[in-house]
Structures are given as C-alpha cells and as structure tokens.
Amino acid sequence: MELIDKGVLIVLSGPSGVGKGTVRAKVFEESHRCLEYSVSMTTRKPRPTEVDGVDYFFVTHEEFAQRIAEGKFLEYAEFVGNFYGTPLDYVQERLNAGKDVMLEIEVEGALQVKKVMPDACFIFVAPPSMEELHHRIVNRGTEDPARVAGRMKKAEVEIGLAHEYDYIVINDTVDNAKNRIMAIIDSEHARSARVLEGYGKKVLKID
C-alpha cells in the first residue's frame, strides 16, 4: 500500500506593498510541486467571469453564519458588508490528499489559523527596510499621501507581530524570496514529527 505524504499548510502574510502576491505567483511557477492555492468562501455575489469552487465558494450569509457556528473556518473576516473565510474541511481534504496548500492572508487571519492549526508553516514576508516599503507603495501610484501613511502605520503594527511566525523571509528580490520559501517548504516536509506521522514507527523500524 502506497503511503501518501501529508501536505503542509503554508500561511503567507506580510504588510501591504511588500510584494507577497508577486512572490506567491513566482512560487506557483514551480509546476513540479504539489502546491495549491486555497479557495476562499464568500457571501458576495459572483462576478460574471467567476466560477464557483474555482475563484471562490459562493454561499449565502445564512450558510456562512452556520459554518461559523459549527467552527468550520480556519479564519474569516468581514469586508464591505460581505464575509470571506478559509473553509477548514476543504483545506484538510487537500492536505490529506498530499497537496501543499498555501494561504495568502492578513496577519489577523494568520493568527486565527494558528489557533486552529498550530502545526502549519507560518511565513512572514518582510521588506528590506521601511524606507523600501514606502518606496514600493508610492511607486504603485494607487494611493494618495494619507493612504500611504495609513498603510505604513499598519505595516509597523504587522511587522511587530512577525515573531508569531515560524519564518521571516526578506523580499529583497522576488527570486530570492521565492527560493527561500521553496527551501522552507522542503525543510517542513523533513520535520521529524511530520515524517513519523506519515510513515510510522514500523516503516522506519524504530523501537
């Protein structure tokens, strides 16, 4: 009987403007990896091009509230009158199938996940410096000075919580950050607790 190596849940966070979305996209270019991006659940209506189960799991407010009551979310939050959350059963199903699952979520959401699945791999993507983060946010050209200042203030709070994560990856360049994250994922699969859980004492012949 072939034993399936259980997947690793990778939680990726970092301040706005640090480039975590770009880094995540680069990681997913590694096509040989059994890596999946978690599909979130939401109460908002689907846009014309969106597909249920691919872009989001679309549910009613009542269904979402029921899942909250039953503890079926890894994390959830409300934004502009709609709820968004990570379904616990979906993530567990993919992990048990041997898939590594990545969440790219806010620090607040990551701390919620840590309470439910403390054995997940938590990675904080940090800027080389606050000056560089400010430069990146300004260069996007989408924020007025007041919003830039707000994002910088929030970034200071989030960076202050980086000690809650297992790893801190400095995003000096996208390729460097991607390589560091891939190395972290490899090392997580070699953790003794994960190997023992997957293969057992009989397979490893440990007394």
N, C-alpha and C. Protein backbone atom coordinates (compact mmCIF):
# COMPACT_ATOMS: atom_id res chain seq x y z
N MET A 1 0.84 -1.19 0.00
CA MET A 1 0.00 0.00 0.00
C MET A 1 0.88 1.25 0.00
N GLU A 2 0.67 2.14 -0.95
CA GLU A 2 1.46 3.35 -1.04
C GLU A 2 1.00 4.35 0.01
N LEU A 3 1.98 4.88 0.75
CA LEU A 3 1.68 5.86 1.77
C LEU A 3 1.77 7.26 1.18
N ILE A 4 0.80 8.09 1.49
CA ILE A 4 0.77 9.45 0.97
C ILE A 4 1.37 10.38 2.00
N ASP A 5 2.36 11.15 1.57
CA ASP A 5 2.97 12.15 2.42
C ASP A 5 1.97 13.30 2.57
N LYS A 6 1.50 13.52 3.78
CA LYS A 6 0.50 14.56 4.01
C LYS A 6 1.07 15.92 3.65
N GLY A 7 0.25 16.74 3.06
CA GLY A 7 0.68 18.06 2.64
C GLY A 7 0.91 19.00 3.82
N VAL A 8 1.57 20.11 3.52
CA VAL A 8 1.87 21.14 4.51
C VAL A 8 1.00 22.35 4.23
N LEU A 9 0.40 22.91 5.27
CA LEU A 9 -0.34 24.16 5.14
C LEU A 9 0.65 25.30 5.31
N ILE A 10 0.80 26.12 4.28
CA ILE A 10 1.72 27.25 4.30
C ILE A 10 0.91 28.54 4.39
N VAL A 11 1.12 29.31 5.43
CA VAL A 11 0.40 30.56 5.64
C VAL A 11 1.36 31.71 5.37
N LEU A 12 1.04 32.50 4.36
CA LEU A 12 1.91 33.59 3.92
C LEU A 12 1.27 34.94 4.25
N SER A 13 1.99 35.76 4.97
CA SER A 13 1.49 37.09 5.33
C SER A 13 2.59 38.12 5.16
N GLY A 14 2.19 39.37 5.27
CA GLY A 14 3.15 40.47 5.18
C GLY A 14 2.41 41.76 4.96
N PRO A 15 3.06 42.88 5.20
CA PRO A 15 2.38 44.17 5.04
C PRO A 15 2.03 44.47 3.59
N SER A 16 1.02 45.28 3.41
CA SER A 16 0.62 45.72 2.07
C SER A 16 1.79 46.41 1.39
N GLY A 17 2.05 46.05 0.13
CA GLY A 17 3.13 46.66 -0.61
C GLY A 17 4.44 45.92 -0.56
N VAL A 18 4.52 44.87 0.28
CA VAL A 18 5.77 44.14 0.40
C VAL A 18 6.04 43.23 -0.80
N GLY A 19 4.98 42.94 -1.58
CA GLY A 19 5.15 42.11 -2.77
C GLY A 19 4.86 40.64 -2.56
N LYS A 20 4.09 40.32 -1.51
CA LYS A 20 3.83 38.90 -1.22
C LYS A 20 3.03 38.22 -2.33
N GLY A 21 2.12 38.95 -2.98
CA GLY A 21 1.35 38.37 -4.08
C GLY A 21 2.24 38.01 -5.25
N THR A 22 3.20 38.87 -5.55
CA THR A 22 4.14 38.61 -6.64
C THR A 22 5.02 37.41 -6.30
N VAL A 23 5.46 37.34 -5.05
CA VAL A 23 6.29 36.21 -4.62
C VAL A 23 5.49 34.92 -4.68
N ARG A 24 4.23 34.97 -4.22
CA ARG A 24 3.39 33.76 -4.28
C ARG A 24 3.24 33.28 -5.71
N ALA A 25 2.98 34.20 -6.64
CA ALA A 25 2.84 33.81 -8.04
C ALA A 25 4.11 33.16 -8.56
N LYS A 26 5.24 33.65 -8.13
CA LYS A 26 6.53 33.07 -8.56
C LYS A 26 6.69 31.65 -8.01
N VAL A 27 6.28 31.46 -6.76
CA VAL A 27 6.34 30.13 -6.16
C VAL A 27 5.50 29.14 -6.95
N PHE A 28 4.33 29.59 -7.40
CA PHE A 28 3.42 28.70 -8.12
C PHE A 28 3.87 28.42 -9.55
N GLU A 29 4.92 29.07 -9.99
CA GLU A 29 5.50 28.72 -11.29
C GLU A 29 6.29 27.41 -11.21
N GLU A 30 6.57 26.95 -9.99
CA GLU A 30 7.26 25.68 -9.81
C GLU A 30 6.26 24.55 -10.07
N SER A 31 6.07 24.21 -11.33
CA SER A 31 5.00 23.31 -11.75
C SER A 31 5.15 21.88 -11.22
N HIS A 32 6.37 21.49 -10.84
CA HIS A 32 6.57 20.12 -10.35
C HIS A 32 6.10 19.96 -8.91
N ARG A 33 5.71 21.04 -8.26
CA ARG A 33 5.28 20.97 -6.88
C ARG A 33 3.81 20.59 -6.76
N CYS A 34 3.49 19.82 -5.71
CA CYS A 34 2.08 19.51 -5.41
C CYS A 34 1.55 20.64 -4.52
N LEU A 35 1.44 21.82 -5.11
CA LEU A 35 1.10 23.01 -4.37
C LEU A 35 -0.20 23.60 -4.89
N GLU A 36 -1.10 23.92 -3.98
CA GLU A 36 -2.38 24.51 -4.36
C GLU A 36 -2.63 25.78 -3.57
N TYR A 37 -3.33 26.71 -4.21
CA TYR A 37 -3.74 27.94 -3.54
C TYR A 37 -5.14 27.71 -2.98
N SER A 38 -5.34 28.00 -1.72
CA SER A 38 -6.62 27.72 -1.08
C SER A 38 -7.74 28.56 -1.67
N VAL A 39 -8.87 27.92 -1.92
CA VAL A 39 -10.06 28.61 -2.41
C VAL A 39 -10.86 29.11 -1.22
N SER A 40 -11.11 30.41 -1.18
CA SER A 40 -11.85 31.01 -0.07
C SER A 40 -13.35 30.91 -0.29
N MET A 41 -14.09 31.09 0.79
CA MET A 41 -15.55 31.11 0.73
C MET A 41 -16.02 32.55 0.99
N THR A 42 -17.05 32.98 0.29
CA THR A 42 -17.53 34.35 0.45
C THR A 42 -19.05 34.42 0.31
N THR A 43 -19.60 35.49 0.90
CA THR A 43 -21.04 35.73 0.78
C THR A 43 -21.34 36.72 -0.34
N ARG A 44 -20.33 37.30 -0.96
CA ARG A 44 -20.62 38.24 -2.05
C ARG A 44 -21.05 37.49 -3.30
N LYS A 45 -21.74 38.20 -4.17
CA LYS A 45 -22.23 37.60 -5.40
C LYS A 45 -21.07 37.38 -6.39
N PRO A 46 -21.10 36.29 -7.15
CA PRO A 46 -20.03 36.07 -8.13
C PRO A 46 -20.08 37.07 -9.27
N ARG A 47 -18.90 37.46 -9.73
CA ARG A 47 -18.82 38.30 -10.92
C ARG A 47 -19.03 37.42 -12.15
N PRO A 48 -19.35 38.02 -13.30
CA PRO A 48 -19.70 37.23 -14.49
C PRO A 48 -18.67 36.17 -14.89
N THR A 49 -17.38 36.45 -14.68
CA THR A 49 -16.35 35.51 -15.13
C THR A 49 -15.93 34.52 -14.03
N GLU A 50 -16.48 34.68 -12.84
CA GLU A 50 -16.05 33.84 -11.72
C GLU A 50 -16.81 32.51 -11.69
N VAL A 51 -16.09 31.47 -11.28
CA VAL A 51 -16.65 30.11 -11.24
C VAL A 51 -16.66 29.61 -9.80
N ASP A 52 -17.81 29.12 -9.37
CA ASP A 52 -17.95 28.58 -8.02
C ASP A 52 -17.02 27.38 -7.84
N GLY A 53 -16.24 27.38 -6.76
CA GLY A 53 -15.32 26.30 -6.49
C GLY A 53 -13.96 26.49 -7.11
N VAL A 54 -13.83 27.51 -7.96
CA VAL A 54 -12.54 27.81 -8.59
C VAL A 54 -12.01 29.15 -8.08
N ASP A 55 -12.82 30.19 -8.25
CA ASP A 55 -12.44 31.51 -7.77
C ASP A 55 -12.78 31.66 -6.28
N TYR A 56 -13.97 31.27 -5.94
CA TYR A 56 -14.46 31.26 -4.56
C TYR A 56 -15.51 30.16 -4.43
N PHE A 57 -15.82 29.80 -3.18
CA PHE A 57 -17.03 29.06 -2.89
C PHE A 57 -18.07 30.12 -2.52
N PHE A 58 -19.10 30.27 -3.33
CA PHE A 58 -20.10 31.30 -3.09
C PHE A 58 -21.27 30.72 -2.28
N VAL A 59 -21.55 31.35 -1.13
CA VAL A 59 -22.62 30.87 -0.25
C VAL A 59 -23.44 32.06 0.22
N THR A 60 -24.58 31.77 0.84
CA THR A 60 -25.42 32.83 1.39
C THR A 60 -24.88 33.25 2.76
N HIS A 61 -25.38 34.40 3.24
CA HIS A 61 -25.00 34.84 4.58
C HIS A 61 -25.41 33.82 5.64
N GLU A 62 -26.57 33.19 5.42
CA GLU A 62 -27.06 32.20 6.39
C GLU A 62 -26.14 30.98 6.43
N GLU A 63 -25.71 30.53 5.26
CA GLU A 63 -24.81 29.38 5.21
C GLU A 63 -23.47 29.71 5.86
N PHE A 64 -22.98 30.90 5.60
CA PHE A 64 -21.70 31.32 6.19
C PHE A 64 -21.81 31.38 7.71
N ALA A 65 -22.91 31.97 8.20
CA ALA A 65 -23.11 32.07 9.64
C ALA A 65 -23.20 30.70 10.30
N GLN A 66 -23.83 29.75 9.62
CA GLN A 66 -23.94 28.39 10.14
C GLN A 66 -22.57 27.74 10.25
N ARG A 67 -21.73 27.97 9.24
CA ARG A 67 -20.38 27.40 9.27
C ARG A 67 -19.55 28.03 10.38
N ILE A 68 -19.75 29.32 10.64
CA ILE A 68 -19.05 29.96 11.76
C ILE A 68 -19.46 29.29 13.07
N ALA A 69 -20.77 29.08 13.24
CA ALA A 69 -21.28 28.47 14.47
C ALA A 69 -20.75 27.06 14.67
N GLU A 70 -20.51 26.36 13.57
CA GLU A 70 -20.02 24.97 13.64
C GLU A 70 -18.50 24.89 13.67
N GLY A 71 -17.82 26.03 13.67
CA GLY A 71 -16.36 26.04 13.73
C GLY A 71 -15.70 25.49 12.49
N LYS A 72 -16.27 25.77 11.32
CA LYS A 72 -15.78 25.18 10.08
C LYS A 72 -14.90 26.13 9.24
N PHE A 73 -14.39 27.17 9.89
CA PHE A 73 -13.46 28.06 9.20
C PHE A 73 -12.11 28.07 9.90
N LEU A 74 -11.06 28.08 9.09
CA LEU A 74 -9.73 28.31 9.64
C LEU A 74 -9.61 29.76 10.09
N GLU A 75 -10.17 30.65 9.28
CA GLU A 75 -10.20 32.07 9.60
C GLU A 75 -11.28 32.71 8.76
N TYR A 76 -11.78 33.85 9.24
CA TYR A 76 -12.79 34.57 8.45
C TYR A 76 -12.78 36.03 8.89
N ALA A 77 -13.32 36.88 8.01
CA ALA A 77 -13.39 38.31 8.30
C ALA A 77 -14.51 38.92 7.47
N GLU A 78 -14.96 40.09 7.89
CA GLU A 78 -15.98 40.83 7.15
C GLU A 78 -15.34 42.00 6.45
N PHE A 79 -15.73 42.23 5.20
CA PHE A 79 -15.20 43.35 4.43
C PHE A 79 -16.31 43.93 3.56
N VAL A 80 -16.61 45.20 3.76
CA VAL A 80 -17.62 45.92 2.99
C VAL A 80 -18.94 45.14 2.93
N GLY A 81 -19.39 44.66 4.08
CA GLY A 81 -20.69 44.02 4.17
C GLY A 81 -20.74 42.56 3.77
N ASN A 82 -19.63 42.00 3.33
CA ASN A 82 -19.58 40.59 2.98
C ASN A 82 -18.52 39.87 3.81
N PHE A 83 -18.74 38.56 3.96
CA PHE A 83 -17.79 37.74 4.72
C PHE A 83 -16.91 36.94 3.77
N TYR A 84 -15.66 36.76 4.20
CA TYR A 84 -14.69 35.94 3.47
C TYR A 84 -14.03 35.02 4.48
N GLY A 85 -13.82 33.76 4.10
CA GLY A 85 -13.19 32.84 5.03
C GLY A 85 -12.54 31.66 4.33
N THR A 86 -11.69 30.96 5.07
CA THR A 86 -11.00 29.77 4.56
C THR A 86 -11.67 28.53 5.12
N PRO A 87 -12.33 27.71 4.27
CA PRO A 87 -13.04 26.52 4.76
C PRO A 87 -12.08 25.47 5.32
N LEU A 88 -12.29 25.08 6.55
CA LEU A 88 -11.42 24.11 7.21
C LEU A 88 -11.49 22.75 6.53
N ASP A 89 -12.69 22.28 6.15
CA ASP A 89 -12.83 20.95 5.58
C ASP A 89 -12.13 20.85 4.22
N TYR A 90 -12.21 21.90 3.42
CA TYR A 90 -11.55 21.91 2.10
C TYR A 90 -10.03 21.81 2.27
N VAL A 91 -9.48 22.59 3.19
CA VAL A 91 -8.03 22.58 3.40
C VAL A 91 -7.58 21.21 3.90
N GLN A 92 -8.30 20.64 4.84
CA GLN A 92 -7.92 19.33 5.37
C GLN A 92 -7.99 18.25 4.30
N GLU A 93 -8.99 18.33 3.44
CA GLU A 93 -9.13 17.35 2.36
C GLU A 93 -7.93 17.40 1.42
N ARG A 94 -7.48 18.61 1.06
CA ARG A 94 -6.36 18.75 0.14
C ARG A 94 -5.05 18.32 0.81
N LEU A 95 -4.89 18.64 2.08
CA LEU A 95 -3.69 18.22 2.80
C LEU A 95 -3.61 16.70 2.90
N ASN A 96 -4.74 16.06 3.20
CA ASN A 96 -4.77 14.60 3.31
C ASN A 96 -4.51 13.92 1.97
N ALA A 97 -4.77 14.64 0.87
CA ALA A 97 -4.51 14.11 -0.46
C ALA A 97 -3.04 14.32 -0.87
N GLY A 98 -2.24 14.86 0.04
CA GLY A 98 -0.82 15.04 -0.24
C GLY A 98 -0.46 16.36 -0.90
N LYS A 99 -1.42 17.29 -0.93
CA LYS A 99 -1.17 18.59 -1.55
C LYS A 99 -0.70 19.60 -0.50
N ASP A 100 0.33 20.36 -0.83
CA ASP A 100 0.68 21.50 0.00
C ASP A 100 -0.30 22.62 -0.34
N VAL A 101 -0.85 23.25 0.68
CA VAL A 101 -1.85 24.30 0.47
C VAL A 101 -1.31 25.62 1.00
N MET A 102 -1.39 26.65 0.17
CA MET A 102 -0.90 27.97 0.59
C MET A 102 -2.05 28.95 0.76
N LEU A 103 -2.01 29.66 1.88
CA LEU A 103 -2.94 30.75 2.14
C LEU A 103 -2.14 32.05 2.11
N GLU A 104 -2.64 33.04 1.40
CA GLU A 104 -2.05 34.38 1.46
C GLU A 104 -3.09 35.26 2.15
N ILE A 105 -2.86 35.53 3.43
CA ILE A 105 -3.88 36.22 4.22
C ILE A 105 -3.25 37.29 5.10
N GLU A 106 -4.11 38.14 5.65
CA GLU A 106 -3.68 39.19 6.55
C GLU A 106 -3.15 38.58 7.86
N VAL A 107 -2.35 39.37 8.56
CA VAL A 107 -1.77 38.91 9.82
C VAL A 107 -2.86 38.50 10.81
N GLU A 108 -3.93 39.27 10.89
CA GLU A 108 -5.03 38.93 11.80
C GLU A 108 -5.60 37.55 11.50
N GLY A 109 -5.79 37.26 10.21
CA GLY A 109 -6.29 35.95 9.81
C GLY A 109 -5.30 34.85 10.12
N ALA A 110 -4.02 35.13 9.90
CA ALA A 110 -2.99 34.13 10.17
C ALA A 110 -2.97 33.72 11.64
N LEU A 111 -3.18 34.69 12.52
CA LEU A 111 -3.20 34.38 13.95
C LEU A 111 -4.42 33.55 14.31
N GLN A 112 -5.53 33.73 13.56
CA GLN A 112 -6.69 32.86 13.76
C GLN A 112 -6.35 31.43 13.34
N VAL A 113 -5.68 31.29 12.20
CA VAL A 113 -5.30 29.96 11.71
C VAL A 113 -4.39 29.26 12.72
N LYS A 114 -3.49 30.01 13.31
CA LYS A 114 -2.52 29.44 14.25
C LYS A 114 -3.20 28.78 15.44
N LYS A 115 -4.36 29.32 15.83
CA LYS A 115 -5.10 28.74 16.95
C LYS A 115 -5.73 27.41 16.57
N VAL A 116 -6.12 27.27 15.31
CA VAL A 116 -6.80 26.05 14.84
C VAL A 116 -5.80 25.00 14.38
N MET A 117 -4.76 25.44 13.65
CA MET A 117 -3.76 24.50 13.11
C MET A 117 -2.36 25.02 13.43
N PRO A 118 -1.94 24.87 14.68
CA PRO A 118 -0.63 25.40 15.08
C PRO A 118 0.55 24.72 14.40
N ASP A 119 0.32 23.53 13.79
CA ASP A 119 1.40 22.83 13.11
C ASP A 119 1.59 23.29 11.66
N ALA A 120 0.82 24.30 11.23
CA ALA A 120 1.02 24.85 9.89
C ALA A 120 2.35 25.59 9.85
N CYS A 121 2.78 25.91 8.64
CA CYS A 121 4.04 26.62 8.45
C CYS A 121 3.72 28.10 8.19
N PHE A 122 4.13 28.97 9.11
CA PHE A 122 3.79 30.38 9.03
C PHE A 122 5.00 31.19 8.56
N ILE A 123 4.83 31.86 7.42
CA ILE A 123 5.92 32.62 6.81
C ILE A 123 5.53 34.09 6.70
N PHE A 124 6.35 34.96 7.26
CA PHE A 124 6.11 36.40 7.18
C PHE A 124 7.06 36.99 6.14
N VAL A 125 6.48 37.64 5.13
CA VAL A 125 7.28 38.30 4.09
C VAL A 125 7.51 39.74 4.52
N ALA A 126 8.76 40.11 4.69
CA ALA A 126 9.11 41.43 5.21
C ALA A 126 9.89 42.23 4.16
N PRO A 127 9.80 43.55 4.22
CA PRO A 127 10.58 44.39 3.31
C PRO A 127 12.03 44.50 3.79
N PRO A 128 12.95 44.83 2.89
CA PRO A 128 14.34 45.03 3.33
C PRO A 128 14.47 46.15 4.36
N SER A 129 13.59 47.17 4.25
CA SER A 129 13.58 48.29 5.19
C SER A 129 12.23 48.99 5.07
N MET A 130 11.91 49.80 6.05
CA MET A 130 10.67 50.57 5.99
C MET A 130 10.74 51.61 4.87
N GLU A 131 11.94 52.11 4.61
CA GLU A 131 12.10 53.07 3.52
C GLU A 131 11.78 52.43 2.18
N GLU A 132 12.24 51.19 2.00
CA GLU A 132 11.96 50.48 0.75
C GLU A 132 10.48 50.16 0.63
N LEU A 133 9.84 49.81 1.73
CA LEU A 133 8.40 49.54 1.69
C LEU A 133 7.64 50.80 1.28
N HIS A 134 8.01 51.93 1.84
CA HIS A 134 7.38 53.21 1.49
C HIS A 134 7.57 53.49 0.00
N HIS A 135 8.76 53.23 -0.49
CA HIS A 135 9.07 53.45 -1.91
C HIS A 135 8.19 52.58 -2.79
N ARG A 136 8.00 51.32 -2.43
CA ARG A 136 7.19 50.40 -3.23
C ARG A 136 5.72 50.82 -3.23
N ILE A 137 5.20 51.24 -2.09
CA ILE A 137 3.81 51.65 -2.02
C ILE A 137 3.58 52.90 -2.87
N VAL A 138 4.48 53.86 -2.75
CA VAL A 138 4.35 55.11 -3.53
C VAL A 138 4.44 54.82 -5.02
N ASN A 139 5.36 53.93 -5.40
CA ASN A 139 5.58 53.63 -6.81
C ASN A 139 4.40 52.93 -7.47
N ARG A 140 3.51 52.34 -6.67
CA ARG A 140 2.33 51.72 -7.27
C ARG A 140 1.42 52.78 -7.88
N GLY A 141 1.50 53.99 -7.35
CA GLY A 141 0.73 55.10 -7.90
C GLY A 141 -0.77 55.00 -7.70
N THR A 142 -1.18 54.19 -6.72
CA THR A 142 -2.62 54.00 -6.50
C THR A 142 -3.10 54.62 -5.19
N GLU A 143 -2.19 55.21 -4.43
CA GLU A 143 -2.54 55.72 -3.11
C GLU A 143 -2.20 57.20 -2.98
N ASP A 144 -3.09 57.95 -2.33
CA ASP A 144 -2.76 59.34 -2.02
C ASP A 144 -1.90 59.35 -0.75
N PRO A 145 -1.26 60.48 -0.42
CA PRO A 145 -0.35 60.51 0.73
C PRO A 145 -0.96 60.04 2.05
N ALA A 146 -2.23 60.36 2.27
CA ALA A 146 -2.88 59.95 3.52
C ALA A 146 -3.01 58.43 3.60
N ARG A 147 -3.36 57.82 2.49
CA ARG A 147 -3.50 56.35 2.49
C ARG A 147 -2.13 55.67 2.59
N VAL A 148 -1.12 56.27 1.97
CA VAL A 148 0.23 55.73 2.11
C VAL A 148 0.66 55.76 3.57
N ALA A 149 0.40 56.87 4.23
CA ALA A 149 0.74 56.99 5.65
C ALA A 149 0.00 55.95 6.48
N GLY A 150 -1.28 55.71 6.15
CA GLY A 150 -2.06 54.71 6.86
C GLY A 150 -1.51 53.31 6.67
N ARG A 151 -1.10 53.01 5.45
CA ARG A 151 -0.53 51.68 5.17
C ARG A 151 0.79 51.50 5.91
N MET A 152 1.59 52.55 5.97
CA MET A 152 2.87 52.46 6.67
C MET A 152 2.66 52.25 8.18
N LYS A 153 1.66 52.93 8.73
CA LYS A 153 1.37 52.76 10.15
C LYS A 153 0.90 51.33 10.43
N LYS A 154 0.05 50.79 9.56
CA LYS A 154 -0.42 49.42 9.73
C LYS A 154 0.73 48.44 9.56
N ALA A 155 1.64 48.72 8.63
CA ALA A 155 2.80 47.85 8.40
C ALA A 155 3.67 47.75 9.65
N GLU A 156 3.83 48.85 10.36
CA GLU A 156 4.63 48.84 11.58
C GLU A 156 4.02 47.88 12.61
N VAL A 157 2.69 47.91 12.72
CA VAL A 157 2.00 47.02 13.66
C VAL A 157 2.19 45.57 13.23
N GLU A 158 2.02 45.29 11.92
CA GLU A 158 2.14 43.92 11.42
C GLU A 158 3.55 43.39 11.58
N ILE A 159 4.55 44.21 11.26
CA ILE A 159 5.94 43.78 11.42
C ILE A 159 6.24 43.50 12.89
N GLY A 160 5.58 44.23 13.77
CA GLY A 160 5.74 43.98 15.20
C GLY A 160 5.22 42.63 15.65
N LEU A 161 4.40 41.98 14.78
CA LEU A 161 3.86 40.65 15.09
C LEU A 161 4.59 39.54 14.34
N ALA A 162 5.66 39.88 13.65
CA ALA A 162 6.38 38.89 12.85
C ALA A 162 6.95 37.76 13.72
N HIS A 163 7.17 38.04 15.02
CA HIS A 163 7.71 37.00 15.90
C HIS A 163 6.73 35.85 16.10
N GLU A 164 5.47 36.05 15.72
CA GLU A 164 4.46 34.99 15.84
C GLU A 164 4.62 33.94 14.73
N TYR A 165 5.44 34.21 13.74
CA TYR A 165 5.62 33.33 12.59
C TYR A 165 6.83 32.42 12.77
N ASP A 166 6.83 31.31 12.04
CA ASP A 166 7.95 30.37 12.10
C ASP A 166 9.16 30.89 11.34
N TYR A 167 8.90 31.60 10.26
CA TYR A 167 9.97 32.08 9.39
C TYR A 167 9.70 33.53 8.97
N ILE A 168 10.77 34.27 8.77
CA ILE A 168 10.68 35.61 8.19
C ILE A 168 11.53 35.61 6.93
N VAL A 169 10.89 35.93 5.80
CA VAL A 169 11.59 35.98 4.51
C VAL A 169 11.67 37.43 4.07
N ILE A 170 12.87 37.92 3.89
CA ILE A 170 13.07 39.29 3.41
C ILE A 170 12.90 39.30 1.90
N ASN A 171 11.98 40.10 1.41
CA ASN A 171 11.75 40.19 -0.03
C ASN A 171 12.63 41.29 -0.62
N ASP A 172 13.94 40.97 -0.73
CA ASP A 172 14.85 41.91 -1.38
C ASP A 172 14.69 41.84 -2.89
N THR A 173 14.60 40.60 -3.42
CA THR A 173 14.21 40.39 -4.81
C THR A 173 13.21 39.26 -4.84
N VAL A 174 12.36 39.23 -5.85
CA VAL A 174 11.31 38.21 -5.93
C VAL A 174 11.93 36.82 -6.03
N ASP A 175 12.96 36.65 -6.84
CA ASP A 175 13.58 35.33 -7.00
C ASP A 175 14.21 34.84 -5.70
N ASN A 176 14.88 35.73 -4.98
CA ASN A 176 15.48 35.33 -3.71
C ASN A 176 14.40 34.91 -2.71
N ALA A 177 13.32 35.69 -2.63
CA ALA A 177 12.25 35.36 -1.71
C ALA A 177 11.59 34.03 -2.08
N LYS A 178 11.39 33.83 -3.39
CA LYS A 178 10.79 32.57 -3.85
C LYS A 178 11.67 31.38 -3.47
N ASN A 179 12.97 31.50 -3.68
CA ASN A 179 13.89 30.40 -3.37
C ASN A 179 13.90 30.09 -1.88
N ARG A 180 13.84 31.13 -1.07
CA ARG A 180 13.81 30.91 0.38
C ARG A 180 12.53 30.19 0.81
N ILE A 181 11.42 30.58 0.23
CA ILE A 181 10.15 29.94 0.57
C ILE A 181 10.15 28.48 0.13
N MET A 182 10.66 28.19 -1.05
CA MET A 182 10.72 26.81 -1.51
C MET A 182 11.62 25.97 -0.60
N ALA A 183 12.72 26.54 -0.13
CA ALA A 183 13.60 25.83 0.80
C ALA A 183 12.89 25.56 2.12
N ILE A 184 12.08 26.52 2.57
CA ILE A 184 11.32 26.33 3.81
C ILE A 184 10.32 25.19 3.66
N ILE A 185 9.62 25.15 2.53
CA ILE A 185 8.64 24.08 2.30
C ILE A 185 9.33 22.72 2.30
N ASP A 186 10.49 22.63 1.64
CA ASP A 186 11.25 21.37 1.64
C ASP A 186 11.62 20.96 3.05
N SER A 187 12.09 21.92 3.84
CA SER A 187 12.51 21.59 5.20
C SER A 187 11.33 21.17 6.07
N GLU A 188 10.16 21.76 5.82
CA GLU A 188 8.97 21.38 6.58
C GLU A 188 8.60 19.92 6.35
N HIS A 189 8.78 19.44 5.11
CA HIS A 189 8.47 18.04 4.82
C HIS A 189 9.44 17.09 5.50
N ALA A 190 10.61 17.59 5.91
CA ALA A 190 11.60 16.73 6.56
C ALA A 190 11.53 16.80 8.08
N ARG A 191 10.61 17.58 8.62
CA ARG A 191 10.47 17.64 10.08
C ARG A 191 10.18 16.24 10.62
N SER A 192 10.84 15.87 11.72
CA SER A 192 10.70 14.52 12.27
C SER A 192 9.25 14.20 12.61
N ALA A 193 8.52 15.17 13.18
CA ALA A 193 7.13 14.92 13.57
C ALA A 193 6.28 14.59 12.36
N ARG A 194 6.50 15.28 11.23
CA ARG A 194 5.71 15.01 10.02
C ARG A 194 6.07 13.65 9.44
N VAL A 195 7.37 13.32 9.41
CA VAL A 195 7.80 12.04 8.85
C VAL A 195 7.26 10.88 9.68
N LEU A 196 7.35 11.00 11.00
CA LEU A 196 6.86 9.94 11.87
C LEU A 196 5.35 9.77 11.74
N GLU A 197 4.64 10.88 11.59
CA GLU A 197 3.18 10.80 11.44
C GLU A 197 2.83 10.11 10.13
N GLY A 198 3.57 10.40 9.07
CA GLY A 198 3.25 9.85 7.76
C GLY A 198 3.67 8.41 7.57
N TYR A 199 4.79 8.02 8.14
CA TYR A 199 5.33 6.69 7.86
C TYR A 199 5.27 5.72 9.03
N GLY A 200 5.23 6.25 10.23
CA GLY A 200 5.05 5.39 11.40
C GLY A 200 6.32 4.67 11.82
N LYS A 201 6.29 4.16 13.04
CA LYS A 201 7.46 3.51 13.59
C LYS A 201 7.81 2.20 12.88
N LYS A 202 6.78 1.47 12.40
CA LYS A 202 7.06 0.19 11.74
C LYS A 202 7.85 0.40 10.46
N VAL A 203 7.47 1.41 9.68
CA VAL A 203 8.15 1.67 8.41
C VAL A 203 9.60 2.07 8.65
N LEU A 204 9.82 2.91 9.69
CA LEU A 204 11.16 3.38 9.99
C LEU A 204 11.92 2.41 10.90
N LYS A 205 11.22 1.34 11.34
CA LYS A 205 11.83 0.32 12.20
C LYS A 205 12.43 0.94 13.47
N ILE A 206 11.66 1.80 14.08
CA ILE A 206 12.09 2.43 15.33
C ILE A 206 11.45 1.71 16.49
N ASP A 207 12.26 1.31 17.48
CA ASP A 207 11.75 0.59 18.65
C ASP A 207 11.01 1.54 19.58
